[in-house]
PDB file of N, CA and C in Angstrom:
ATOM      1  N   MET A   1     -12.645  95.369 140.456  1.00  0.00           N
ATOM      2  CA  MET A   1     -12.054  94.224 139.782  1.00  0.00           C
ATOM      3  C   MET A   1     -12.626  94.147 138.363  1.00  0.00           C
ATOM      4  N   ILE A   2     -11.778  94.156 137.384  1.00  0.00           N
ATOM      5  CA  ILE A   2     -12.195  94.117 135.989  1.00  0.00           C
ATOM      6  C   ILE A   2     -12.502  92.695 135.537  1.00  0.00           C
ATOM      7  N   GLU A   3     -11.654  91.773 135.932  1.00  0.00           N
ATOM      8  CA  GLU A   3     -11.803  90.384 135.475  1.00  0.00           C
ATOM      9  C   GLU A   3     -12.927  89.669 136.209  1.00  0.00           C
ATOM     10  N   LYS A   4     -13.423  88.639 135.569  1.00  0.00           N
ATOM     11  CA  LYS A   4     -14.425  87.770 136.182  1.00  0.00           C
ATOM     12  C   LYS A   4     -13.779  86.403 136.353  1.00  0.00           C
ATOM     13  N   ILE A   5     -13.981  85.784 137.490  1.00  0.00           N
ATOM     14  CA  ILE A   5     -13.340  84.523 137.827  1.00  0.00           C
ATOM     15  C   ILE A   5     -14.363  83.393 137.750  1.00  0.00           C
ATOM     16  N   TYR A   6     -13.968  82.286 137.161  1.00  0.00           N
ATOM     17  CA  TYR A   6     -14.809  81.093 137.062  1.00  0.00           C
ATOM     18  C   TYR A   6     -14.071  79.939 137.721  1.00  0.00           C
ATOM     19  N   SER A   7     -14.805  79.054 138.338  1.00  0.00           N
ATOM     20  CA  SER A   7     -14.223  77.872 138.976  1.00  0.00           C
ATOM     21  C   SER A   7     -14.811  76.614 138.376  1.00  0.00           C
ATOM     22  N   PHE A   8     -14.066  75.528 138.478  1.00  0.00           N
ATOM     23  CA  PHE A   8     -14.576  74.224 138.070  1.00  0.00           C
ATOM     24  C   PHE A   8     -14.162  73.197 139.113  1.00  0.00           C
ATOM     25  N   THR A   9     -14.890  72.100 139.155  1.00  0.00           N
ATOM     26  CA  THR A   9     -14.685  71.062 140.153  1.00  0.00           C
ATOM     27  C   THR A   9     -13.442  70.246 139.835  1.00  0.00           C
ATOM     28  N   ARG A  10     -12.626  70.007 140.846  1.00  0.00           N
ATOM     29  CA  ARG A  10     -11.450  69.144 140.721  1.00  0.00           C
ATOM     30  C   ARG A  10     -11.785  67.826 141.419  1.00  0.00           C
ATOM     31  N   THR A  11     -12.009  66.770 140.626  1.00  0.00           N
ATOM     32  CA  THR A  11     -12.424  65.487 141.176  1.00  0.00           C
ATOM     33  C   THR A  11     -12.130  64.375 140.189  1.00  0.00           C
ATOM     34  N   ASP A  12     -12.148  63.143 140.674  1.00  0.00           N
ATOM     35  CA  ASP A  12     -12.087  61.970 139.798  1.00  0.00           C
ATOM     36  C   ASP A  12     -13.475  61.356 139.638  1.00  0.00           C
ATOM     37  N   ASP A  13     -14.488  61.941 140.295  1.00  0.00           N
ATOM     38  CA  ASP A  13     -15.861  61.447 140.185  1.00  0.00           C
ATOM     39  C   ASP A  13     -16.543  62.094 138.985  1.00  0.00           C
ATOM     40  N   ARG A  14     -17.607  61.470 138.523  1.00  0.00           N
ATOM     41  CA  ARG A  14     -18.335  61.988 137.365  1.00  0.00           C
ATOM     42  C   ARG A  14     -18.820  63.413 137.614  1.00  0.00           C
ATOM     43  N   VAL A  15     -18.546  64.285 136.651  1.00  0.00           N
ATOM     44  CA  VAL A  15     -18.976  65.676 136.714  1.00  0.00           C
ATOM     45  C   VAL A  15     -19.360  66.123 135.313  1.00  0.00           C
ATOM     46  N   ILE A  16     -20.474  66.799 135.211  1.00  0.00           N
ATOM     47  CA  ILE A  16     -20.855  67.498 133.987  1.00  0.00           C
ATOM     48  C   ILE A  16     -21.362  68.858 134.456  1.00  0.00           C
ATOM     49  N   GLU A  17     -20.570  69.902 134.183  1.00  0.00           N
ATOM     50  CA  GLU A  17     -20.929  71.219 134.699  1.00  0.00           C
ATOM     51  C   GLU A  17     -20.707  72.306 133.652  1.00  0.00           C
ATOM     52  N   LYS A  18     -21.633  73.252 133.646  1.00  0.00           N
ATOM     53  CA  LYS A  18     -21.497  74.443 132.806  1.00  0.00           C
ATOM     54  C   LYS A  18     -20.666  75.451 133.581  1.00  0.00           C
ATOM     55  N   ILE A  19     -19.616  75.928 132.955  1.00  0.00           N
ATOM     56  CA  ILE A  19     -18.745  76.904 133.597  1.00  0.00           C
ATOM     57  C   ILE A  19     -19.111  78.310 133.135  1.00  0.00           C
ATOM     58  N   ILE A  20     -19.233  78.487 131.821  1.00  0.00           N
ATOM     59  CA  ILE A  20     -19.596  79.774 131.235  1.00  0.00           C
ATOM     60  C   ILE A  20     -20.694  79.531 130.212  1.00  0.00           C
ATOM     61  N   ALA A  21     -21.719  80.357 130.242  1.00  0.00           N
ATOM     62  CA  ALA A  21     -22.785  80.310 129.234  1.00  0.00           C
ATOM     63  C   ALA A  21     -23.264  81.734 129.019  1.00  0.00           C
ATOM     64  N   ASP A  22     -22.632  82.430 128.076  1.00  0.00           N
ATOM     65  CA  ASP A  22     -23.072  83.786 127.770  1.00  0.00           C
ATOM     66  C   ASP A  22     -23.221  83.939 126.259  1.00  0.00           C
ATOM     67  N   ASP A  23     -23.416  85.141 125.790  1.00  0.00           N
ATOM     68  CA  ASP A  23     -23.654  85.355 124.361  1.00  0.00           C
ATOM     69  C   ASP A  23     -22.423  85.079 123.502  1.00  0.00           C
ATOM     70  N   ASN A  24     -21.240  85.092 124.095  1.00  0.00           N
ATOM     71  CA  ASN A  24     -20.014  84.910 123.332  1.00  0.00           C
ATOM     72  C   ASN A  24     -19.621  83.453 123.130  1.00  0.00           C
ATOM     73  N   LEU A  25     -19.697  82.696 124.195  1.00  0.00           N
ATOM     74  CA  LEU A  25     -19.305  81.296 124.126  1.00  0.00           C
ATOM     75  C   LEU A  25     -19.869  80.534 125.311  1.00  0.00           C
ATOM     76  N   ALA A  26     -19.688  79.221 125.248  1.00  0.00           N
ATOM     77  CA  ALA A  26     -20.055  78.343 126.359  1.00  0.00           C
ATOM     78  C   ALA A  26     -18.863  77.446 126.644  1.00  0.00           C
ATOM     79  N   ILE A  27     -18.583  77.228 127.919  1.00  0.00           N
ATOM     80  CA  ILE A  27     -17.530  76.300 128.322  1.00  0.00           C
ATOM     81  C   ILE A  27     -18.123  75.343 129.342  1.00  0.00           C
ATOM     82  N   ASN A  28     -18.001  74.058 129.045  1.00  0.00           N
ATOM     83  CA  ASN A  28     -18.440  73.001 129.956  1.00  0.00           C
ATOM     84  C   ASN A  28     -17.224  72.197 130.393  1.00  0.00           C
ATOM     85  N   HIS A  29     -17.305  71.642 131.586  1.00  0.00           N
ATOM     86  CA  HIS A  29     -16.245  70.799 132.135  1.00  0.00           C
ATOM     87  C   HIS A  29     -16.856  69.442 132.452  1.00  0.00           C
ATOM     88  N   MET A  30     -16.157  68.374 132.042  1.00  0.00           N
ATOM     89  CA  MET A  30     -16.699  67.035 132.264  1.00  0.00           C
ATOM     90  C   MET A  30     -15.615  66.079 132.733  1.00  0.00           C
ATOM     91  N   VAL A  31     -16.004  65.175 133.618  1.00  0.00           N
ATOM     92  CA  VAL A  31     -15.146  64.098 134.102  1.00  0.00           C
ATOM     93  C   VAL A  31     -15.962  62.823 133.992  1.00  0.00           C
ATOM     94  N   LEU A  32     -15.405  61.815 133.303  1.00  0.00           N
ATOM     95  CA  LEU A  32     -16.080  60.532 133.138  1.00  0.00           C
ATOM     96  C   LEU A  32     -15.131  59.403 133.531  1.00  0.00           C
ATOM     97  N   LYS A  33     -15.624  58.485 134.336  1.00  0.00           N
ATOM     98  CA  LYS A  33     -14.856  57.299 134.711  1.00  0.00           C
ATOM     99  C   LYS A  33     -15.006  56.237 133.617  1.00  0.00           C
ATOM    100  N   LYS A  34     -14.196  55.204 133.686  1.00  0.00           N
ATOM    101  CA  LYS A  34     -14.250  54.126 132.700  1.00  0.00           C
ATOM    102  C   LYS A  34     -15.679  53.600 132.564  1.00  0.00           C
ATOM    103  N   GLY A  35     -16.137  53.460 131.312  1.00  0.00           N
ATOM    104  CA  GLY A  35     -17.462  52.923 131.030  1.00  0.00           C
ATOM    105  C   GLY A  35     -18.565  53.965 130.993  1.00  0.00           C
ATOM    106  N   GLN A  36     -18.280  55.186 131.402  1.00  0.00           N
ATOM    107  CA  GLN A  36     -19.303  56.224 131.378  1.00  0.00           C
ATOM    108  C   GLN A  36     -19.323  56.922 130.020  1.00  0.00           C
ATOM    109  N   ALA A  37     -20.495  57.455 129.673  1.00  0.00           N
ATOM    110  CA  ALA A  37     -20.667  58.089 128.364  1.00  0.00           C
ATOM    111  C   ALA A  37     -21.689  59.205 128.458  1.00  0.00           C
ATOM    112  N   LEU A  38     -21.718  60.028 127.421  1.00  0.00           N
ATOM    113  CA  LEU A  38     -22.777  61.019 127.271  1.00  0.00           C
ATOM    114  C   LEU A  38     -23.828  60.438 126.343  1.00  0.00           C
ATOM    115  N   PRO A  39     -25.069  60.846 126.458  1.00  0.00           N
ATOM    116  CA  PRO A  39     -26.093  60.384 125.515  1.00  0.00           C
ATOM    117  C   PRO A  39     -25.744  60.865 124.096  1.00  0.00           C
ATOM    118  N   GLN A  40     -26.127  60.082 123.108  1.00  0.00           N
ATOM    119  CA  GLN A  40     -25.927  60.526 121.729  1.00  0.00           C
ATOM    120  C   GLN A  40     -26.633  61.864 121.543  1.00  0.00           C
ATOM    121  N   HIS A  41     -25.969  62.790 120.853  1.00  0.00           N
ATOM    122  CA  HIS A  41     -26.556  64.105 120.624  1.00  0.00           C
ATOM    123  C   HIS A  41     -25.899  64.751 119.412  1.00  0.00           C
ATOM    124  N   PHE A  42     -26.427  65.887 118.997  1.00  0.00           N
ATOM    125  CA  PHE A  42     -25.867  66.663 117.894  1.00  0.00           C
ATOM    126  C   PHE A  42     -25.171  67.883 118.472  1.00  0.00           C
ATOM    127  N   SER A  43     -24.028  68.225 117.938  1.00  0.00           N
ATOM    128  CA  SER A  43     -23.314  69.417 118.403  1.00  0.00           C
ATOM    129  C   SER A  43     -24.182  70.643 118.139  1.00  0.00           C
ATOM    130  N   ASN A  44     -24.347  71.473 119.160  1.00  0.00           N
ATOM    131  CA  ASN A  44     -25.224  72.635 119.038  1.00  0.00           C
ATOM    132  C   ASN A  44     -24.459  73.936 118.807  1.00  0.00           C
ATOM    133  N   SER A  45     -23.189  73.798 118.422  1.00  0.00           N
ATOM    134  CA  SER A  45     -22.334  74.920 118.064  1.00  0.00           C
ATOM    135  C   SER A  45     -21.078  74.347 117.424  1.00  0.00           C
ATOM    136  N   ASN A  46     -20.131  75.198 117.100  1.00  0.00           N
ATOM    137  CA  ASN A  46     -18.799  74.722 116.745  1.00  0.00           C
ATOM    138  C   ASN A  46     -18.137  74.355 118.064  1.00  0.00           C
ATOM    139  N   VAL A  47     -17.670  73.120 118.177  1.00  0.00           N
ATOM    140  CA  VAL A  47     -17.180  72.594 119.442  1.00  0.00           C
ATOM    141  C   VAL A  47     -15.675  72.368 119.370  1.00  0.00           C
ATOM    142  N   TYR A  48     -14.997  72.790 120.430  1.00  0.00           N
ATOM    143  CA  TYR A  48     -13.582  72.492 120.605  1.00  0.00           C
ATOM    144  C   TYR A  48     -13.468  71.707 121.902  1.00  0.00           C
ATOM    145  N   MET A  49     -13.070  70.443 121.808  1.00  0.00           N
ATOM    146  CA  MET A  49     -12.969  69.562 122.961  1.00  0.00           C
ATOM    147  C   MET A  49     -11.499  69.492 123.370  1.00  0.00           C
ATOM    148  N   VAL A  50     -11.190  69.948 124.580  1.00  0.00           N
ATOM    149  CA  VAL A  50      -9.826  69.994 125.089  1.00  0.00           C
ATOM    150  C   VAL A  50      -9.655  68.847 126.086  1.00  0.00           C
ATOM    151  N   ILE A  51      -8.875  67.840 125.710  1.00  0.00           N
ATOM    152  CA  ILE A  51      -8.698  66.655 126.554  1.00  0.00           C
ATOM    153  C   ILE A  51      -7.577  66.938 127.558  1.00  0.00           C
ATOM    154  N   ILE A  52      -7.921  66.919 128.849  1.00  0.00           N
ATOM    155  CA  ILE A  52      -6.975  67.236 129.921  1.00  0.00           C
ATOM    156  C   ILE A  52      -6.293  65.975 130.439  1.00  0.00           C
ATOM    157  N   SER A  53      -7.058  64.915 130.669  1.00  0.00           N
ATOM    158  CA  SER A  53      -6.481  63.652 131.125  1.00  0.00           C
ATOM    159  C   SER A  53      -7.324  62.504 130.598  1.00  0.00           C
ATOM    160  N   GLY A  54      -6.704  61.342 130.498  1.00  0.00           N
ATOM    161  CA  GLY A  54      -7.392  60.175 129.964  1.00  0.00           C
ATOM    162  C   GLY A  54      -7.461  60.213 128.452  1.00  0.00           C
ATOM    163  N   THR A  55      -8.358  59.391 127.916  1.00  0.00           N
ATOM    164  CA  THR A  55      -8.539  59.267 126.468  1.00  0.00           C
ATOM    165  C   THR A  55     -10.029  59.230 126.173  1.00  0.00           C
ATOM    166  N   VAL A  56     -10.481  60.090 125.268  1.00  0.00           N
ATOM    167  CA  VAL A  56     -11.886  60.099 124.872  1.00  0.00           C
ATOM    168  C   VAL A  56     -12.066  59.195 123.660  1.00  0.00           C
ATOM    169  N   THR A  57     -13.149  58.435 123.641  1.00  0.00           N
ATOM    170  CA  THR A  57     -13.560  57.693 122.450  1.00  0.00           C
ATOM    171  C   THR A  57     -14.717  58.464 121.854  1.00  0.00           C
ATOM    172  N   LEU A  58     -14.552  58.883 120.601  1.00  0.00           N
ATOM    173  CA  LEU A  58     -15.485  59.794 119.965  1.00  0.00           C
ATOM    174  C   LEU A  58     -15.901  59.246 118.609  1.00  0.00           C
ATOM    175  N   GLN A  59     -17.197  59.102 118.415  1.00  0.00           N
ATOM    176  CA  GLN A  59     -17.747  58.648 117.142  1.00  0.00           C
ATOM    177  C   GLN A  59     -18.612  59.767 116.595  1.00  0.00           C
ATOM    178  N   LEU A  60     -18.227  60.276 115.417  1.00  0.00           N
ATOM    179  CA  LEU A  60     -18.921  61.408 114.804  1.00  0.00           C
ATOM    180  C   LEU A  60     -19.614  60.985 113.523  1.00  0.00           C
ATOM    181  N   ALA A  61     -20.856  61.431 113.349  1.00  0.00           N
ATOM    182  CA  ALA A  61     -21.666  61.106 112.164  1.00  0.00           C
ATOM    183  C   ALA A  61     -21.618  59.596 111.954  1.00  0.00           C
ATOM    184  N   ASP A  62     -21.270  59.145 110.758  1.00  0.00           N
ATOM    185  CA  ASP A  62     -21.209  57.707 110.470  1.00  0.00           C
ATOM    186  C   ASP A  62     -19.785  57.184 110.398  1.00  0.00           C
ATOM    187  N   GLN A  63     -18.840  57.973 110.892  1.00  0.00           N
ATOM    188  CA  GLN A  63     -17.439  57.549 110.891  1.00  0.00           C
ATOM    189  C   GLN A  63     -17.194  56.515 111.984  1.00  0.00           C
ATOM    190  N   PRO A  64     -16.150  55.710 111.844  1.00  0.00           N
ATOM    191  CA  PRO A  64     -15.759  54.816 112.941  1.00  0.00           C
ATOM    192  C   PRO A  64     -15.295  55.630 114.149  1.00  0.00           C
ATOM    193  N   ALA A  65     -15.429  55.068 115.330  1.00  0.00           N
ATOM    194  CA  ALA A  65     -14.978  55.733 116.548  1.00  0.00           C
ATOM    195  C   ALA A  65     -13.473  55.937 116.506  1.00  0.00           C
ATOM    196  N   GLN A  66     -13.030  57.072 117.064  1.00  0.00           N
ATOM    197  CA  GLN A  66     -11.614  57.406 117.166  1.00  0.00           C
ATOM    198  C   GLN A  66     -11.302  57.701 118.626  1.00  0.00           C
ATOM    199  N   CYS A  67     -10.047  57.453 119.024  1.00  0.00           N
ATOM    200  CA  CYS A  67      -9.603  57.748 120.385  1.00  0.00           C
ATOM    201  C   CYS A  67      -8.625  58.914 120.351  1.00  0.00           C
ATOM    202  N   TYR A  68      -8.805  59.852 121.297  1.00  0.00           N
ATOM    203  CA  TYR A  68      -7.963  61.039 121.378  1.00  0.00           C
ATOM    204  C   TYR A  68      -7.449  61.167 122.809  1.00  0.00           C
ATOM    205  N   PRO A  69      -6.125  61.204 122.994  1.00  0.00           N
ATOM    206  CA  PRO A  69      -5.538  61.246 124.334  1.00  0.00           C
ATOM    207  C   PRO A  69      -5.423  62.659 124.892  1.00  0.00           C
ATOM    208  N   ALA A  70      -5.058  62.724 126.170  1.00  0.00           N
ATOM    209  CA  ALA A  70      -4.784  64.002 126.836  1.00  0.00           C
ATOM    210  C   ALA A  70      -3.783  64.796 126.011  1.00  0.00           C
ATOM    211  N   GLY A  71      -3.986  66.110 125.986  1.00  0.00           N
ATOM    212  CA  GLY A  71      -3.114  66.976 125.208  1.00  0.00           C
ATOM    213  C   GLY A  71      -3.629  67.226 123.804  1.00  0.00           C
ATOM    214  N   THR A  72      -4.815  66.700 123.497  1.00  0.00           N
ATOM    215  CA  THR A  72      -5.417  66.859 122.175  1.00  0.00           C
ATOM    216  C   THR A  72      -6.583  67.837 122.249  1.00  0.00           C
ATOM    217  N   ILE A  73      -6.733  68.633 121.193  1.00  0.00           N
ATOM    218  CA  ILE A  73      -7.918  69.475 121.025  1.00  0.00           C
ATOM    219  C   ILE A  73      -8.609  69.011 119.761  1.00  0.00           C
ATOM    220  N   VAL A  74      -9.877  68.622 119.878  1.00  0.00           N
ATOM    221  CA  VAL A  74     -10.660  68.117 118.753  1.00  0.00           C
ATOM    222  C   VAL A  74     -11.709  69.159 118.392  1.00  0.00           C
ATOM    223  N   ASN A  75     -11.776  69.532 117.119  1.00  0.00           N
ATOM    224  CA  ASN A  75     -12.791  70.482 116.640  1.00  0.00           C
ATOM    225  C   ASN A  75     -13.911  69.701 115.970  1.00  0.00           C
ATOM    226  N   ILE A  76     -15.135  69.928 116.409  1.00  0.00           N
ATOM    227  CA  ILE A  76     -16.317  69.263 115.866  1.00  0.00           C
ATOM    228  C   ILE A  76     -17.239  70.341 115.308  1.00  0.00           C
ATOM    229  N   PRO A  77     -17.564  70.286 114.021  1.00  0.00           N
ATOM    230  CA  PRO A  77     -18.432  71.310 113.433  1.00  0.00           C
ATOM    231  C   PRO A  77     -19.847  71.268 114.010  1.00  0.00           C
ATOM    232  N   TYR A  78     -20.579  72.329 113.734  1.00  0.00           N
ATOM    233  CA  TYR A  78     -21.978  72.467 114.161  1.00  0.00           C
ATOM    234  C   TYR A  78     -22.859  71.372 113.548  1.00  0.00           C
ATOM    235  N   ASN A  79     -23.792  70.874 114.337  1.00  0.00           N
ATOM    236  CA  ASN A  79     -24.859  69.951 113.920  1.00  0.00           C
ATOM    237  C   ASN A  79     -24.347  68.581 113.460  1.00  0.00           C
ATOM    238  N   ILE A  80     -23.366  68.046 114.159  1.00  0.00           N
ATOM    239  CA  ILE A  80     -22.818  66.721 113.863  1.00  0.00           C
ATOM    240  C   ILE A  80     -23.271  65.747 114.952  1.00  0.00           C
ATOM    241  N   LYS A  81     -23.780  64.587 114.536  1.00  0.00           N
ATOM    242  CA  LYS A  81     -24.169  63.545 115.499  1.00  0.00           C
ATOM    243  C   LYS A  81     -22.907  63.023 116.179  1.00  0.00           C
ATOM    244  N   MET A  82     -22.978  62.911 117.505  1.00  0.00           N
ATOM    245  CA  MET A  82     -21.793  62.461 118.226  1.00  0.00           C
ATOM    246  C   MET A  82     -22.129  61.515 119.361  1.00  0.00           C
ATOM    247  N   ASN A  83     -21.227  60.559 119.547  1.00  0.00           N
ATOM    248  CA  ASN A  83     -21.245  59.638 120.673  1.00  0.00           C
ATOM    249  C   ASN A  83     -19.888  59.748 121.346  1.00  0.00           C
ATOM    250  N   LEU A  84     -19.895  59.998 122.637  1.00  0.00           N
ATOM    251  CA  LEU A  84     -18.667  60.229 123.392  1.00  0.00           C
ATOM    252  C   LEU A  84     -18.661  59.332 124.614  1.00  0.00           C
ATOM    253  N   SER A  85     -17.519  58.668 124.845  1.00  0.00           N
ATOM    254  CA  SER A  85     -17.429  57.784 126.010  1.00  0.00           C
ATOM    255  C   SER A  85     -15.987  57.679 126.494  1.00  0.00           C
ATOM    256  N   ASN A  86     -15.845  57.131 127.691  1.00  0.00           N
ATOM    257  CA  ASN A  86     -14.538  56.775 128.235  1.00  0.00           C
ATOM    258  C   ASN A  86     -14.485  55.252 128.296  1.00  0.00           C
ATOM    259  N   GLN A  87     -13.740  54.664 127.397  1.00  0.00           N
ATOM    260  CA  GLN A  87     -13.599  53.207 127.348  1.00  0.00           C
ATOM    261  C   GLN A  87     -12.240  52.762 127.875  1.00  0.00           C
ATOM    262  N   HIS A  88     -11.552  53.642 128.574  1.00  0.00           N
ATOM    263  CA  HIS A  88     -10.198  53.367 129.039  1.00  0.00           C
ATOM    264  C   HIS A  88     -10.129  53.399 130.564  1.00  0.00           C
ATOM    265  N   GLU A  89      -9.055  52.859 131.115  1.00  0.00           N
ATOM    266  CA  GLU A  89      -8.904  52.749 132.565  1.00  0.00           C
ATOM    267  C   GLU A  89      -8.813  54.109 133.253  1.00  0.00           C
ATOM    268  N   GLU A  90      -8.039  55.027 132.678  1.00  0.00           N
ATOM    269  CA  GLU A  90      -7.815  56.326 133.313  1.00  0.00           C
ATOM    270  C   GLU A  90      -9.074  57.195 133.237  1.00  0.00           C
ATOM    271  N   THR A  91      -9.333  57.932 134.299  1.00  0.00           N
ATOM    272  CA  THR A  91     -10.449  58.876 134.306  1.00  0.00           C
ATOM    273  C   THR A  91     -10.251  59.906 133.205  1.00  0.00           C
ATOM    274  N   LEU A  92     -11.313  60.200 132.472  1.00  0.00           N
ATOM    275  CA  LEU A  92     -11.305  61.167 131.381  1.00  0.00           C
ATOM    276  C   LEU A  92     -11.763  62.516 131.917  1.00  0.00           C
ATOM    277  N   GLU A  93     -10.967  63.555 131.675  1.00  0.00           N
ATOM    278  CA  GLU A  93     -11.357  64.915 132.025  1.00  0.00           C
ATOM    279  C   GLU A  93     -11.159  65.787 130.796  1.00  0.00           C
ATOM    280  N   PHE A  94     -12.170  66.599 130.476  1.00  0.00           N
ATOM    281  CA  PHE A  94     -12.065  67.461 129.308  1.00  0.00           C
ATOM    282  C   PHE A  94     -12.956  68.688 129.465  1.00  0.00           C
ATOM    283  N   PHE A  95     -12.624  69.703 128.684  1.00  0.00           N
ATOM    284  CA  PHE A  95     -13.436  70.905 128.582  1.00  0.00           C
ATOM    285  C   PHE A  95     -14.035  70.959 127.188  1.00  0.00           C
ATOM    286  N   VAL A  96     -15.250  71.445 127.095  1.00  0.00           N
ATOM    287  CA  VAL A  96     -15.923  71.672 125.823  1.00  0.00           C
ATOM    288  C   VAL A  96     -16.106  73.174 125.676  1.00  0.00           C
ATOM    289  N   VAL A  97     -15.499  73.727 124.639  1.00  0.00           N
ATOM    290  CA  VAL A  97     -15.621  75.150 124.349  1.00  0.00           C
ATOM    291  C   VAL A  97     -16.501  75.276 123.116  1.00  0.00           C
ATOM    292  N   LYS A  98     -17.598  76.001 123.258  1.00  0.00           N
ATOM    293  CA  LYS A  98     -18.536  76.185 122.145  1.00  0.00           C
ATOM    294  C   LYS A  98     -18.500  77.640 121.723  1.00  0.00           C
ATOM    295  N   ALA A  99     -18.127  77.850 120.457  1.00  0.00           N
ATOM    296  CA  ALA A  99     -18.032  79.211 119.938  1.00  0.00           C
ATOM    297  C   ALA A  99     -18.550  79.245 118.507  1.00  0.00           C
ATOM    298  N   PRO A 100     -19.544  80.046 118.227  1.00  0.00           N
ATOM    299  CA  PRO A 100     -20.205  80.946 119.175  1.00  0.00           C
ATOM    300  C   PRO A 100     -21.062  80.158 120.161  1.00  0.00           C
ATOM    301  N   SER A 101     -21.588  80.859 121.113  1.00  0.00           N
ATOM    302  CA  SER A 101     -22.475  80.238 122.085  1.00  0.00           C
ATOM    303  C   SER A 101     -23.653  79.575 121.370  1.00  0.00           C
ATOM    304  N   PRO A 102     -24.163  78.459 121.877  1.00  0.00           N
ATOM    305  CA  PRO A 102     -25.343  77.836 121.267  1.00  0.00           C
ATOM    306  C   PRO A 102     -26.521  78.793 121.124  1.00  0.00           C
ATOM    307  N   SER A 103     -26.598  79.824 121.968  1.00  0.00           N
ATOM    308  CA  SER A 103     -27.695  80.786 121.850  1.00  0.00           C
ATOM    309  C   SER A 103     -27.658  81.513 120.505  1.00  0.00           C
ATOM    310  N   PHE A 104     -26.494  81.619 119.901  1.00  0.00           N
ATOM    311  CA  PHE A 104     -26.350  82.220 118.567  1.00  0.00           C
ATOM    312  C   PHE A 104     -27.196  81.449 117.563  1.00  0.00           C
ATOM    313  N   PHE A 105     -27.122  80.107 117.607  1.00  0.00           N
ATOM    314  CA  PHE A 105     -27.877  79.266 116.684  1.00  0.00           C
ATOM    315  C   PHE A 105     -29.350  79.208 117.070  1.00  0.00           C
ATOM    316  N   GLU A 106     -29.633  79.258 118.383  1.00  0.00           N
ATOM    317  CA  GLU A 106     -31.012  79.211 118.841  1.00  0.00           C
ATOM    318  C   GLU A 106     -31.805  80.437 118.411  1.00  0.00           C
ATOM    319  N   ARG A 107     -31.109  81.545 118.210  1.00  0.00           N
ATOM    320  CA  ARG A 107     -31.779  82.765 117.748  1.00  0.00           C
ATOM    321  C   ARG A 107     -32.080  82.712 116.256  1.00  0.00           C
ATOM    322  N   GLY A 108     -31.725  81.597 115.599  1.00  0.00           N
ATOM    323  CA  GLY A 108     -32.050  81.439 114.174  1.00  0.00           C
ATOM    324  C   GLY A 108     -31.030  82.018 113.235  1.00  0.00           C
ATOM    325  N   LYS A 109     -29.883  82.412 113.773  1.00  0.00           N
ATOM    326  CA  LYS A 109     -28.832  82.930 112.903  1.00  0.00           C
ATOM    327  C   LYS A 109     -28.009  81.766 112.377  1.00  0.00           C
ATOM    328  N   SER A 110     -27.311  81.983 111.308  1.00  0.00           N
ATOM    329  CA  SER A 110     -26.435  80.934 110.779  1.00  0.00           C
ATOM    330  C   SER A 110     -25.071  81.522 110.500  1.00  0.00           C
ATOM    331  N   ARG A 111     -24.123  80.657 110.448  1.00  0.00           N
ATOM    332  CA  ARG A 111     -22.728  81.056 110.175  1.00  0.00           C
ATOM    333  C   ARG A 111     -22.378  80.732 108.782  1.00  0.00           C
TER     334      ARG A 111
END
């Protein structure tokens, strides 16, 4: 078998899981119910957030918070302060694609 298969959890309960973490990229899968959030943090790579269901509330750097619905892909540059939450009724499900992998930056290289 040439291909490699990855799985992710299908649920409406809170999930934060790493799906792929190699030298090329990282993919995380997250599910947040209304009122749940991630801790404030800085993006550790170039981030592409793919919203699958629900609406994400995202506050970047010192900008006002913005809401992005399902069907949206949000690109967040490297090293940006971010606050992410689900402030809506529908469960939020999204994937985070980091390219290059955060290990690229951890090795002291820059883009």
